[in-house]
């Protein structure tokens, strides 16, 4: 049995056990097409980084390494 076969078997077992798994459409609808905040405690301002889908909402100086 290959890895994919094992995964399908596992999902079938979960379904047979009565576990309510979301359907594909529900999962896709829950995805966000926007940008996540680098610091979620700060306002939604600043530039965006399309590579990482981030809104850089902190000062660049805060990103630099600090010595402790």
N, C-alpha and C. Protein backbone atom coordinates (compact mmCIF):
# COMPACT_ATOMS: atom_id res chain seq x y z
N UNK A 1 0.85 -1.18 0.00
CA UNK A 1 0.00 0.00 0.00
C UNK A 1 0.90 1.24 0.00
N UNK A 2 0.67 2.16 -0.94
CA UNK A 2 1.45 3.38 -1.03
C UNK A 2 0.97 4.42 -0.03
N UNK A 3 1.70 5.51 0.04
CA UNK A 3 1.36 6.60 0.96
C UNK A 3 -0.02 7.17 0.66
N UNK A 4 -0.33 7.39 -0.60
CA UNK A 4 -1.64 7.94 -0.98
C UNK A 4 -2.75 6.96 -0.61
N UNK A 5 -2.51 5.68 -0.83
CA UNK A 5 -3.52 4.67 -0.47
C UNK A 5 -3.77 4.67 1.03
N UNK A 6 -2.71 4.83 1.80
CA UNK A 6 -2.85 4.87 3.25
C UNK A 6 -3.64 6.08 3.71
N UNK A 7 -3.43 7.22 3.06
CA UNK A 7 -4.16 8.43 3.41
C UNK A 7 -5.64 8.27 3.10
N UNK A 8 -5.94 7.70 1.94
CA UNK A 8 -7.34 7.47 1.57
C UNK A 8 -7.99 6.50 2.55
N UNK A 9 -7.27 5.46 2.92
CA UNK A 9 -7.78 4.49 3.88
C UNK A 9 -8.06 5.17 5.22
N UNK A 10 -7.17 6.05 5.64
CA UNK A 10 -7.33 6.76 6.91
C UNK A 10 -8.57 7.66 6.87
N UNK A 11 -8.77 8.36 5.78
CA UNK A 11 -9.95 9.22 5.64
C UNK A 11 -11.22 8.38 5.66
N UNK A 12 -11.22 7.27 4.98
CA UNK A 12 -12.39 6.38 4.99
C UNK A 12 -12.68 5.90 6.40
N UNK A 13 -11.62 5.59 7.17
CA UNK A 13 -11.81 5.15 8.55
C UNK A 13 -12.43 6.27 9.39
N UNK A 14 -11.94 7.51 9.20
CA UNK A 14 -12.50 8.64 9.95
C UNK A 14 -13.97 8.85 9.61
N UNK A 15 -14.29 8.75 8.34
CA UNK A 15 -15.69 8.92 7.93
C UNK A 15 -16.57 7.82 8.52
N UNK A 16 -16.06 6.60 8.50
CA UNK A 16 -16.82 5.48 9.05
C UNK A 16 -16.98 5.61 10.56
N UNK A 17 -16.05 6.31 11.20
CA UNK A 17 -16.11 6.49 12.65
C UNK A 17 -17.07 7.60 13.05
N UNK A 18 -17.65 8.28 12.09
CA UNK A 18 -18.61 9.34 12.39
C UNK A 18 -17.98 10.70 12.61
N UNK A 19 -16.72 10.88 12.25
CA UNK A 19 -16.08 12.18 12.39
C UNK A 19 -16.54 13.06 11.24
N UNK A 20 -17.02 14.25 11.56
CA UNK A 20 -17.54 15.17 10.57
C UNK A 20 -16.41 15.98 9.96
N UNK A 21 -15.97 15.59 8.77
CA UNK A 21 -14.90 16.31 8.07
C UNK A 21 -15.52 17.35 7.14
N UNK A 22 -14.91 18.54 7.04
CA UNK A 22 -15.46 19.55 6.14
C UNK A 22 -15.31 19.13 4.68
N UNK A 23 -16.23 19.55 3.86
CA UNK A 23 -16.14 19.26 2.43
C UNK A 23 -15.18 20.26 1.80
N UNK A 24 -14.69 19.93 0.63
CA UNK A 24 -13.68 20.75 -0.05
C UNK A 24 -14.14 22.20 -0.19
N UNK A 25 -15.38 22.43 -0.56
CA UNK A 25 -15.87 23.78 -0.76
C UNK A 25 -15.78 24.61 0.52
N UNK A 26 -16.06 23.99 1.66
CA UNK A 26 -15.96 24.70 2.94
C UNK A 26 -14.51 25.08 3.24
N UNK A 27 -13.59 24.17 2.92
CA UNK A 27 -12.17 24.45 3.16
C UNK A 27 -11.68 25.59 2.26
N UNK A 28 -12.02 25.53 0.98
CA UNK A 28 -11.59 26.56 0.04
C UNK A 28 -12.17 27.91 0.44
N UNK A 29 -13.42 27.95 0.88
CA UNK A 29 -14.06 29.20 1.27
C UNK A 29 -13.38 29.81 2.50
N UNK A 30 -12.75 28.98 3.32
CA UNK A 30 -12.12 29.49 4.53
C UNK A 30 -10.73 30.10 4.27
N UNK A 31 -10.17 29.86 3.08
CA UNK A 31 -8.87 30.43 2.75
C UNK A 31 -9.00 31.94 2.57
N UNK A 32 -7.96 32.65 2.91
CA UNK A 32 -7.96 34.09 2.73
C UNK A 32 -7.15 34.45 1.50
N UNK A 33 -7.58 35.46 0.79
CA UNK A 33 -6.82 35.91 -0.37
C UNK A 33 -6.04 37.18 -0.03
N UNK A 34 -6.17 37.63 1.20
CA UNK A 34 -5.50 38.86 1.61
C UNK A 34 -4.13 38.61 2.21
N UNK A 35 -3.66 39.60 2.93
CA UNK A 35 -2.34 39.55 3.54
C UNK A 35 -2.47 39.42 5.05
N UNK A 36 -1.65 38.58 5.64
CA UNK A 36 -1.60 38.45 7.09
C UNK A 36 -0.73 39.56 7.66
N UNK A 37 -1.10 40.03 8.84
CA UNK A 37 -0.30 41.07 9.50
C UNK A 37 0.95 40.45 10.10
N UNK A 38 2.08 41.11 9.90
CA UNK A 38 3.32 40.65 10.52
C UNK A 38 3.17 40.71 12.03
N UNK A 39 2.57 41.79 12.54
CA UNK A 39 2.29 41.93 13.97
C UNK A 39 0.78 42.12 14.12
N UNK A 40 0.06 41.06 14.45
CA UNK A 40 -1.41 41.16 14.53
C UNK A 40 -1.92 42.07 15.63
N UNK A 41 -1.04 42.53 16.52
CA UNK A 41 -1.47 43.44 17.59
C UNK A 41 -1.43 44.90 17.14
N UNK A 42 -0.90 45.15 15.93
CA UNK A 42 -0.76 46.50 15.41
C UNK A 42 -1.80 46.77 14.32
N UNK A 43 -2.01 48.05 14.00
CA UNK A 43 -3.00 48.40 12.96
C UNK A 43 -2.64 47.83 11.59
N UNK A 44 -3.64 47.75 10.72
CA UNK A 44 -3.46 47.23 9.36
C UNK A 44 -2.93 48.32 8.44
N UNK A 45 -1.70 48.73 8.67
CA UNK A 45 -1.05 49.76 7.84
C UNK A 45 0.29 49.22 7.39
N UNK A 46 0.94 49.92 6.48
CA UNK A 46 2.27 49.53 6.05
C UNK A 46 2.26 48.87 4.68
N UNK A 47 3.45 48.51 4.24
CA UNK A 47 3.62 47.92 2.92
C UNK A 47 3.29 46.42 2.95
N UNK A 48 3.22 45.83 1.76
CA UNK A 48 2.93 44.40 1.66
C UNK A 48 4.10 43.68 1.01
N UNK A 49 4.26 42.41 1.35
CA UNK A 49 5.26 41.54 0.76
C UNK A 49 4.51 40.40 0.08
N UNK A 50 4.46 40.44 -1.26
CA UNK A 50 3.68 39.44 -1.99
C UNK A 50 4.28 38.05 -1.94
N UNK A 51 5.58 37.95 -1.71
CA UNK A 51 6.21 36.62 -1.62
C UNK A 51 5.67 35.85 -0.42
N UNK A 52 5.56 36.54 0.70
CA UNK A 52 5.12 35.88 1.94
C UNK A 52 3.68 36.23 2.30
N UNK A 53 3.00 37.02 1.46
CA UNK A 53 1.60 37.43 1.71
C UNK A 53 1.47 38.09 3.08
N UNK A 54 2.42 38.99 3.40
CA UNK A 54 2.43 39.68 4.68
C UNK A 54 2.25 41.18 4.50
N UNK A 55 1.55 41.80 5.44
CA UNK A 55 1.53 43.25 5.55
C UNK A 55 2.56 43.61 6.61
N UNK A 56 3.58 44.36 6.21
CA UNK A 56 4.67 44.74 7.11
C UNK A 56 4.21 45.96 7.89
N UNK A 57 3.59 45.72 9.03
CA UNK A 57 2.96 46.80 9.81
C UNK A 57 3.77 47.20 11.04
N UNK A 58 5.08 47.02 10.95
CA UNK A 58 5.98 47.50 12.01
C UNK A 58 7.14 48.24 11.35
N UNK A 59 7.83 49.06 12.12
CA UNK A 59 8.97 49.81 11.59
C UNK A 59 10.11 48.87 11.24
N UNK A 60 10.80 49.13 10.13
CA UNK A 60 11.93 48.26 9.74
C UNK A 60 12.97 48.10 10.85
N UNK A 61 13.16 49.12 11.67
CA UNK A 61 14.15 49.02 12.76
C UNK A 61 13.77 47.92 13.75
N UNK A 62 12.49 47.64 13.88
CA UNK A 62 12.04 46.59 14.79
C UNK A 62 12.37 45.20 14.25
N UNK A 63 12.65 45.09 12.97
CA UNK A 63 12.98 43.79 12.36
C UNK A 63 14.44 43.43 12.56
N UNK A 64 15.29 44.41 12.85
CA UNK A 64 16.71 44.14 13.00
C UNK A 64 16.97 43.35 14.27
N UNK A 65 17.96 42.49 14.21
CA UNK A 65 18.31 41.66 15.36
C UNK A 65 18.77 42.55 16.51
N UNK A 66 18.41 42.15 17.71
CA UNK A 66 18.85 42.88 18.90
C UNK A 66 19.73 41.97 19.74
N UNK A 67 20.66 42.57 20.43
CA UNK A 67 21.51 41.80 21.34
C UNK A 67 20.90 41.84 22.71
N UNK A 68 20.96 40.72 23.41
CA UNK A 68 20.40 40.70 24.76
C UNK A 68 21.48 40.66 25.81
